[in-house]
Amino acid sequence: MLGVVGPLARRVAAALGNSEQAGFTLLLVIVSVAAIAAEAIQLEGIIGAFLAGIAVNHAVRSSNAKVKLEFLGNSIFIPAFFIVTGFLIDLRMLGQSLTTDLPLVLSIVGTLVVGKWAAAELSGRGFGFGATDRLLMTSLTLPQVAATLAAALVGYEAVNAAGEQLLDGRMLNAVLVLVVVTAVLGPVLTQRALTRLRGRANPDSPEHSPPVTLTTRA
């Protein structure tokens, strides 16, 4: 995908010129063929689609067809993926995971949050970033949504020779809780960091001015 499809896509895109329809069709064909090829070698189709997207991204970076394909993906493909994943949720088992398997859920969520925070702290301090900048780094890398769901779904559907699942329903539900928590916590922390940055950029604004104490003389 990366060594052959990428250069081939650049040549085909250059030969097609500015034709939006041809470029859009080319991208869809490459992604579809990559998904079929991945399944042919016993890989999940979504892995082939990811690799195809990386391969053709550089070739059609400034193409109008890429903008339309992104719109199609954001409006149809990604919502369809979430809907299909949602049908796999066993609400009874999800409730059980939040009660009997609560230590498992907390350990997964806590490990990811601490890991993202530690990475932002170490790299941020290494580059001399302030506390607010490090908080922003943490919040922007915290949400785990599409790629995490894709990996969990592949692990849930993968079985060994004995028919055992790589990830069972308990682990899939724990990952779903992780997705919900990080998808909510990330934007909240980002908003908090941006508020601090705006206050630092405009220290004289009325919103961030210190309170004024009025005194009267006797």
C-alpha atoms as a PDB file:
ATOM      1  CA  MET A   1       0.000   0.000   0.000  1.00  0.00           C
ATOM      2  CA  LEU A   2       2.621   2.553   1.058  1.00  0.00           C
ATOM      3  CA  GLY A   3       5.305   1.577  -1.468  1.00  0.00           C
ATOM      4  CA  VAL A   4       3.193   0.890  -4.557  1.00  0.00           C
ATOM      5  CA  VAL A   5      -0.274   2.384  -4.239  1.00  0.00           C
ATOM      6  CA  GLY A   6       0.987   5.801  -3.120  1.00  0.00           C
ATOM      7  CA  PRO A   7       3.302   6.463  -6.098  1.00  0.00           C
ATOM      8  CA  LEU A   8       0.780   4.893  -8.491  1.00  0.00           C
ATOM      9  CA  ALA A   9      -1.984   7.142  -7.161  1.00  0.00           C
ATOM     10  CA  ARG A  10       0.206  10.216  -7.661  1.00  0.00           C
ATOM     11  CA  ARG A  11       0.816   9.277 -11.302  1.00  0.00           C
ATOM     12  CA  VAL A  12      -2.846   8.552 -12.000  1.00  0.00           C
ATOM     13  CA  ALA A  13      -3.947  11.765 -10.265  1.00  0.00           C
ATOM     14  CA  ALA A  14      -1.466  13.766 -12.336  1.00  0.00           C
ATOM     15  CA  ALA A  15      -2.721  12.114 -15.544  1.00  0.00           C
ATOM     16  CA  LEU A  16      -6.352  12.852 -14.672  1.00  0.00           C
ATOM     17  CA  GLY A  17      -5.624  16.518 -14.067  1.00  0.00           C
ATOM     18  CA  ASN A  18      -8.329  18.535 -12.317  1.00  0.00           C
ATOM     19  CA  SER A  19     -11.211  16.185 -13.092  1.00  0.00           C
ATOM     20  CA  GLU A  20     -13.133  15.977  -9.820  1.00  0.00           C
ATOM     21  CA  GLN A  21     -15.282  13.020 -10.832  1.00  0.00           C
ATOM     22  CA  ALA A  22     -12.332  10.947 -12.018  1.00  0.00           C
ATOM     23  CA  GLY A  23     -10.288  11.775  -8.925  1.00  0.00           C
ATOM     24  CA  PHE A  24     -13.178  10.966  -6.610  1.00  0.00           C
ATOM     25  CA  THR A  25     -13.784   7.644  -8.382  1.00  0.00           C
ATOM     26  CA  LEU A  26     -10.063   6.846  -8.177  1.00  0.00           C
ATOM     27  CA  LEU A  27     -10.023   7.334  -4.423  1.00  0.00           C
ATOM     28  CA  LEU A  28     -13.104   5.172  -3.878  1.00  0.00           C
ATOM     29  CA  VAL A  29     -11.658   2.403  -6.075  1.00  0.00           C
ATOM     30  CA  ILE A  30      -8.332   2.423  -4.219  1.00  0.00           C
ATOM     31  CA  VAL A  31      -9.983   2.280  -0.797  1.00  0.00           C
ATOM     32  CA  SER A  32     -12.350  -0.514  -1.898  1.00  0.00           C
ATOM     33  CA  VAL A  33      -9.599  -2.600  -3.502  1.00  0.00           C
ATOM     34  CA  ALA A  34      -7.420  -2.143  -0.411  1.00  0.00           C
ATOM     35  CA  ALA A  35     -10.212  -3.391   1.843  1.00  0.00           C
ATOM     36  CA  ILE A  36     -10.807  -6.440  -0.375  1.00  0.00           C
ATOM     37  CA  ALA A  37      -7.060  -7.186  -0.568  1.00  0.00           C
ATOM     38  CA  ALA A  38      -6.757  -6.974   3.214  1.00  0.00           C
ATOM     39  CA  GLU A  39      -9.570  -9.486   3.681  1.00  0.00           C
ATOM     40  CA  ALA A  40      -7.965 -11.764   1.080  1.00  0.00           C
ATOM     41  CA  ILE A  41      -4.873 -12.098   3.295  1.00  0.00           C
ATOM     42  CA  GLN A  42      -6.950 -12.649   6.434  1.00  0.00           C
ATOM     43  CA  LEU A  43      -6.853  -9.046   7.677  1.00  0.00           C
ATOM     44  CA  GLU A  44      -9.802  -6.863   8.530  1.00  0.00           C
ATOM     45  CA  GLY A  45     -11.050  -4.660   5.690  1.00  0.00           C
ATOM     46  CA  ILE A  46     -10.820  -1.554   7.848  1.00  0.00           C
ATOM     47  CA  ILE A  47      -7.038  -2.068   8.136  1.00  0.00           C
ATOM     48  CA  GLY A  48      -6.686  -2.050   4.358  1.00  0.00           C
ATOM     49  CA  ALA A  49      -8.872   1.048   4.145  1.00  0.00           C
ATOM     50  CA  PHE A  50      -6.695   2.845   6.707  1.00  0.00           C
ATOM     51  CA  LEU A  51      -3.517   1.976   4.806  1.00  0.00           C
ATOM     52  CA  ALA A  52      -5.077   3.060   1.513  1.00  0.00           C
ATOM     53  CA  GLY A  53      -6.069   6.375   3.043  1.00  0.00           C
ATOM     54  CA  ILE A  54      -2.497   6.983   4.204  1.00  0.00           C
ATOM     55  CA  ALA A  55      -1.122   5.991   0.804  1.00  0.00           C
ATOM     56  CA  VAL A  56      -3.310   8.306  -1.266  1.00  0.00           C
ATOM     57  CA  ASN A  57      -3.407  11.194   1.196  1.00  0.00           C
ATOM     58  CA  HIS A  58      -0.193  12.739  -0.061  1.00  0.00           C
ATOM     59  CA  ALA A  59      -1.049  12.126  -3.711  1.00  0.00           C
ATOM     60  CA  VAL A  60      -4.342  14.038  -3.651  1.00  0.00           C
ATOM     61  CA  ARG A  61      -3.656  16.482  -0.846  1.00  0.00           C
ATOM     62  CA  SER A  62      -4.797  19.543  -2.823  1.00  0.00           C
ATOM     63  CA  SER A  63      -7.447  17.826  -4.918  1.00  0.00           C
ATOM     64  CA  ASN A  64     -11.101  18.832  -4.721  1.00  0.00           C
ATOM     65  CA  ALA A  65     -11.981  15.145  -4.873  1.00  0.00           C
ATOM     66  CA  LYS A  66     -10.344  14.607  -1.495  1.00  0.00           C
ATOM     67  CA  VAL A  67     -12.589  17.269   0.056  1.00  0.00           C
ATOM     68  CA  LYS A  68     -15.675  15.519  -1.300  1.00  0.00           C
ATOM     69  CA  LEU A  69     -14.446  12.130  -0.155  1.00  0.00           C
ATOM     70  CA  GLU A  70     -13.852  13.490   3.347  1.00  0.00           C
ATOM     71  CA  PHE A  71     -17.381  14.907   3.323  1.00  0.00           C
ATOM     72  CA  LEU A  72     -18.764  11.534   2.241  1.00  0.00           C
ATOM     73  CA  GLY A  73     -16.770   9.736   4.904  1.00  0.00           C
ATOM     74  CA  ASN A  74     -17.776  12.127   7.675  1.00  0.00           C
ATOM     75  CA  SER A  75     -21.455  12.084   6.709  1.00  0.00           C
ATOM     76  CA  ILE A  76     -21.959   8.410   5.752  1.00  0.00           C
ATOM     77  CA  PHE A  77     -19.064   6.015   6.363  1.00  0.00           C
ATOM     78  CA  ILE A  78     -18.061   7.064   9.885  1.00  0.00           C
ATOM     79  CA  PRO A  79     -21.670   7.300  11.202  1.00  0.00           C
ATOM     80  CA  ALA A  80     -22.393   3.891   9.646  1.00  0.00           C
ATOM     81  CA  PHE A  81     -19.352   2.461  11.427  1.00  0.00           C
ATOM     82  CA  PHE A  82     -20.549   3.812  14.757  1.00  0.00           C
ATOM     83  CA  ILE A  83     -24.059   2.465  14.156  1.00  0.00           C
ATOM     84  CA  VAL A  84     -22.744  -1.020  13.329  1.00  0.00           C
ATOM     85  CA  THR A  85     -20.530  -0.924  16.413  1.00  0.00           C
ATOM     86  CA  GLY A  86     -23.462   0.234  18.520  1.00  0.00           C
ATOM     87  CA  PHE A  87     -25.485  -2.839  17.542  1.00  0.00           C
ATOM     88  CA  LEU A  88     -22.738  -4.989  19.074  1.00  0.00           C
ATOM     89  CA  ILE A  89     -23.289  -3.456  22.503  1.00  0.00           C
ATOM     90  CA  ASP A  90     -24.956  -5.747  24.996  1.00  0.00           C
ATOM     91  CA  LEU A  91     -26.612  -3.343  27.431  1.00  0.00           C
ATOM     92  CA  ARG A  92     -26.955  -6.049  30.057  1.00  0.00           C
ATOM     93  CA  MET A  93     -23.263  -6.882  29.846  1.00  0.00           C
ATOM     94  CA  LEU A  94     -22.402  -3.180  29.743  1.00  0.00           C
ATOM     95  CA  GLY A  95     -24.257  -2.647  33.010  1.00  0.00           C
ATOM     96  CA  GLN A  96     -22.529  -5.694  34.435  1.00  0.00           C
ATOM     97  CA  SER A  97     -19.170  -4.266  33.402  1.00  0.00           C
ATOM     98  CA  LEU A  98     -19.911  -1.082  35.342  1.00  0.00           C
ATOM     99  CA  THR A  99     -20.750  -3.074  38.483  1.00  0.00           C
ATOM    100  CA  THR A 100     -18.915  -6.377  38.737  1.00  0.00           C
ATOM    101  CA  ASP A 101     -16.069  -5.410  36.380  1.00  0.00           C
ATOM    102  CA  LEU A 102     -15.669  -1.847  37.648  1.00  0.00           C
ATOM    103  CA  PRO A 103     -11.969  -2.348  38.601  1.00  0.00           C
ATOM    104  CA  LEU A 104     -11.245  -3.439  35.025  1.00  0.00           C
ATOM    105  CA  VAL A 105     -13.010  -0.404  33.571  1.00  0.00           C
ATOM    106  CA  LEU A 106     -11.321   2.012  35.982  1.00  0.00           C
ATOM    107  CA  SER A 107      -7.908   0.516  35.334  1.00  0.00           C
ATOM    108  CA  ILE A 108      -8.261   0.866  31.557  1.00  0.00           C
ATOM    109  CA  VAL A 109      -9.593   4.420  31.718  1.00  0.00           C
ATOM    110  CA  GLY A 110      -7.138   5.460  34.419  1.00  0.00           C
ATOM    111  CA  THR A 111      -4.129   3.986  32.628  1.00  0.00           C
ATOM    112  CA  LEU A 112      -4.920   5.849  29.436  1.00  0.00           C
ATOM    113  CA  VAL A 113      -5.561   9.174  31.181  1.00  0.00           C
ATOM    114  CA  VAL A 114      -2.381   8.898  33.248  1.00  0.00           C
ATOM    115  CA  GLY A 115      -0.383   7.813  30.216  1.00  0.00           C
ATOM    116  CA  LYS A 116      -1.548  10.758  28.106  1.00  0.00           C
ATOM    117  CA  TRP A 117      -0.926  13.163  30.989  1.00  0.00           C
ATOM    118  CA  ALA A 118       2.559  11.763  31.633  1.00  0.00           C
ATOM    119  CA  ALA A 119       3.494  11.986  27.952  1.00  0.00           C
ATOM    120  CA  ALA A 120       2.334  15.607  27.755  1.00  0.00           C
ATOM    121  CA  GLU A 121       4.101  16.506  30.993  1.00  0.00           C
ATOM    122  CA  LEU A 122       7.432  14.940  30.020  1.00  0.00           C
ATOM    123  CA  SER A 123       7.508  16.302  26.476  1.00  0.00           C
ATOM    124  CA  GLY A 124       6.075  19.667  27.502  1.00  0.00           C
ATOM    125  CA  ARG A 125       8.624  20.189  30.242  1.00  0.00           C
ATOM    126  CA  GLY A 126      11.362  19.100  27.843  1.00  0.00           C
ATOM    127  CA  PHE A 127      10.377  21.848  25.403  1.00  0.00           C
ATOM    128  CA  GLY A 128       9.809  24.416  28.143  1.00  0.00           C
ATOM    129  CA  PHE A 129       6.017  24.632  27.848  1.00  0.00           C
ATOM    130  CA  GLY A 130       3.919  26.110  30.614  1.00  0.00           C
ATOM    131  CA  ALA A 131       1.315  24.296  32.690  1.00  0.00           C
ATOM    132  CA  THR A 132      -1.577  25.498  30.507  1.00  0.00           C
ATOM    133  CA  ASP A 133       0.174  24.390  27.327  1.00  0.00           C
ATOM    134  CA  ARG A 134       0.822  20.974  28.828  1.00  0.00           C
ATOM    135  CA  LEU A 135      -2.829  20.713  29.827  1.00  0.00           C
ATOM    136  CA  LEU A 136      -3.825  21.523  26.251  1.00  0.00           C
ATOM    137  CA  MET A 137      -1.482  18.811  24.951  1.00  0.00           C
ATOM    138  CA  THR A 138      -3.098  16.318  27.305  1.00  0.00           C
ATOM    139  CA  SER A 139      -6.661  17.277  26.363  1.00  0.00           C
ATOM    140  CA  LEU A 140      -6.040  17.188  22.615  1.00  0.00           C
ATOM    141  CA  THR A 141      -4.482  13.702  22.711  1.00  0.00           C
ATOM    142  CA  LEU A 142      -6.913  12.264  25.248  1.00  0.00           C
ATOM    143  CA  PRO A 143     -10.041  11.396  23.190  1.00  0.00           C
ATOM    144  CA  GLN A 144     -10.050   7.836  21.869  1.00  0.00           C
ATOM    145  CA  VAL A 145     -12.807   7.327  19.318  1.00  0.00           C
ATOM    146  CA  ALA A 146     -12.577   5.939  15.769  1.00  0.00           C
ATOM    147  CA  ALA A 147      -9.210   4.161  15.787  1.00  0.00           C
ATOM    148  CA  THR A 148      -9.793   2.757  19.278  1.00  0.00           C
ATOM    149  CA  LEU A 149     -13.219   1.418  18.339  1.00  0.00           C
ATOM    150  CA  ALA A 150     -11.812  -0.092  15.145  1.00  0.00           C
ATOM    151  CA  ALA A 151      -9.015  -1.866  17.012  1.00  0.00           C
ATOM    152  CA  ALA A 152     -11.400  -3.125  19.701  1.00  0.00           C
ATOM    153  CA  LEU A 153     -13.871  -4.344  17.090  1.00  0.00           C
ATOM    154  CA  VAL A 154     -11.148  -6.241  15.226  1.00  0.00           C
ATOM    155  CA  GLY A 155     -10.005  -7.849  18.475  1.00  0.00           C
ATOM    156  CA  TYR A 156     -13.589  -8.744  19.370  1.00  0.00           C
ATOM    157  CA  GLU A 157     -14.198 -10.486  16.046  1.00  0.00           C
ATOM    158  CA  ALA A 158     -10.794 -12.203  15.889  1.00  0.00           C
ATOM    159  CA  VAL A 159     -10.705 -15.839  17.080  1.00  0.00           C
ATOM    160  CA  ASN A 160      -7.919 -18.363  17.452  1.00  0.00           C
ATOM    161  CA  ALA A 161      -7.839 -21.989  16.342  1.00  0.00           C
ATOM    162  CA  ALA A 162      -9.860 -23.004  19.400  1.00  0.00           C
ATOM    163  CA  GLY A 163     -12.595 -20.495  18.577  1.00  0.00           C
ATOM    164  CA  GLU A 164     -11.745 -18.196  21.483  1.00  0.00           C
ATOM    165  CA  GLN A 165     -12.108 -14.455  21.040  1.00  0.00           C
ATOM    166  CA  LEU A 166      -9.056 -12.233  21.350  1.00  0.00           C
ATOM    167  CA  LEU A 167     -11.190  -9.675  23.237  1.00  0.00           C
ATOM    168  CA  ASP A 168     -14.342 -10.804  24.999  1.00  0.00           C
ATOM    169  CA  GLY A 169     -17.503  -8.820  25.575  1.00  0.00           C
ATOM    170  CA  ARG A 170     -16.279  -7.521  28.932  1.00  0.00           C
ATOM    171  CA  MET A 171     -13.231  -5.937  27.343  1.00  0.00           C
ATOM    172  CA  LEU A 172     -15.258  -4.516  24.442  1.00  0.00           C
ATOM    173  CA  ASN A 173     -17.652  -2.856  26.889  1.00  0.00           C
ATOM    174  CA  ALA A 174     -14.714  -1.477  28.875  1.00  0.00           C
ATOM    175  CA  VAL A 175     -13.334   0.046  25.684  1.00  0.00           C
ATOM    176  CA  LEU A 176     -16.736   1.582  24.922  1.00  0.00           C
ATOM    177  CA  VAL A 177     -16.747   3.195  28.362  1.00  0.00           C
ATOM    178  CA  LEU A 178     -13.231   4.444  27.649  1.00  0.00           C
ATOM    179  CA  VAL A 179     -14.419   6.029  24.399  1.00  0.00           C
ATOM    180  CA  VAL A 180     -17.335   7.799  26.102  1.00  0.00           C
ATOM    181  CA  VAL A 181     -15.250   9.075  29.027  1.00  0.00           C
ATOM    182  CA  THR A 182     -12.361  10.371  26.926  1.00  0.00           C
ATOM    183  CA  ALA A 183     -14.672  11.881  24.298  1.00  0.00           C
ATOM    184  CA  VAL A 184     -16.324  13.948  27.040  1.00  0.00           C
ATOM    185  CA  LEU A 185     -13.279  14.683  29.193  1.00  0.00           C
ATOM    186  CA  GLY A 186     -11.063  15.788  26.298  1.00  0.00           C
ATOM    187  CA  PRO A 187     -13.242  18.710  25.091  1.00  0.00           C
ATOM    188  CA  VAL A 188     -13.908  19.803  28.684  1.00  0.00           C
ATOM    189  CA  LEU A 189     -10.192  20.045  29.455  1.00  0.00           C
ATOM    190  CA  THR A 190      -9.540  21.700  26.093  1.00  0.00           C
ATOM    191  CA  GLN A 191     -12.114  24.402  26.829  1.00  0.00           C
ATOM    192  CA  ARG A 192     -10.553  24.973  30.227  1.00  0.00           C
ATOM    193  CA  ALA A 193      -7.064  25.297  28.720  1.00  0.00           C
ATOM    194  CA  LEU A 194      -8.282  27.674  25.999  1.00  0.00           C
ATOM    195  CA  THR A 195      -9.940  29.866  28.609  1.00  0.00           C
ATOM    196  CA  ARG A 196      -6.633  30.132  30.432  1.00  0.00           C
ATOM    197  CA  LEU A 197      -4.791  30.891  27.185  1.00  0.00           C
ATOM    198  CA  ARG A 198      -7.235  33.655  26.295  1.00  0.00           C
ATOM    199  CA  GLY A 199      -6.783  35.128  29.739  1.00  0.00           C
ATOM    200  CA  ARG A 200      -3.006  35.013  29.325  1.00  0.00           C
ATOM    201  CA  ALA A 201      -3.194  36.641  25.894  1.00  0.00           C
ATOM    202  CA  ASN A 202      -5.560  39.406  27.082  1.00  0.00           C
ATOM    203  CA  PRO A 203      -4.670  40.064  30.707  1.00  0.00           C
ATOM    204  CA  ASP A 204      -6.334  43.514  30.622  1.00  0.00           C
ATOM    205  CA  SER A 205      -9.706  42.301  29.401  1.00  0.00           C
ATOM    206  CA  PRO A 206     -12.661  42.937  31.748  1.00  0.00           C
ATOM    207  CA  GLU A 207     -13.354  39.222  31.934  1.00  0.00           C
ATOM    208  CA  HIS A 208      -9.961  38.499  33.457  1.00  0.00           C
ATOM    209  CA  SER A 209      -9.388  41.728  35.367  1.00  0.00           C
ATOM    210  CA  PRO A 210      -8.939  41.391  39.137  1.00  0.00           C
ATOM    211  CA  PRO A 211     -11.912  42.404  41.273  1.00  0.00           C
ATOM    212  CA  VAL A 212     -12.024  46.036  42.379  1.00  0.00           C
ATOM    213  CA  THR A 213     -12.603  46.793  46.051  1.00  0.00           C
ATOM    214  CA  LEU A 214     -14.417  50.033  46.816  1.00  0.00           C
ATOM    215  CA  THR A 215     -13.654  51.810  50.059  1.00  0.00           C
ATOM    216  CA  THR A 216     -15.361  54.797  51.647  1.00  0.00           C
ATOM    217  CA  ARG A 217     -13.911  57.372  53.944  1.00  0.00           C
ATOM    218  CA  ALA A 218     -15.589  58.115  57.233  1.00  0.00           C
END
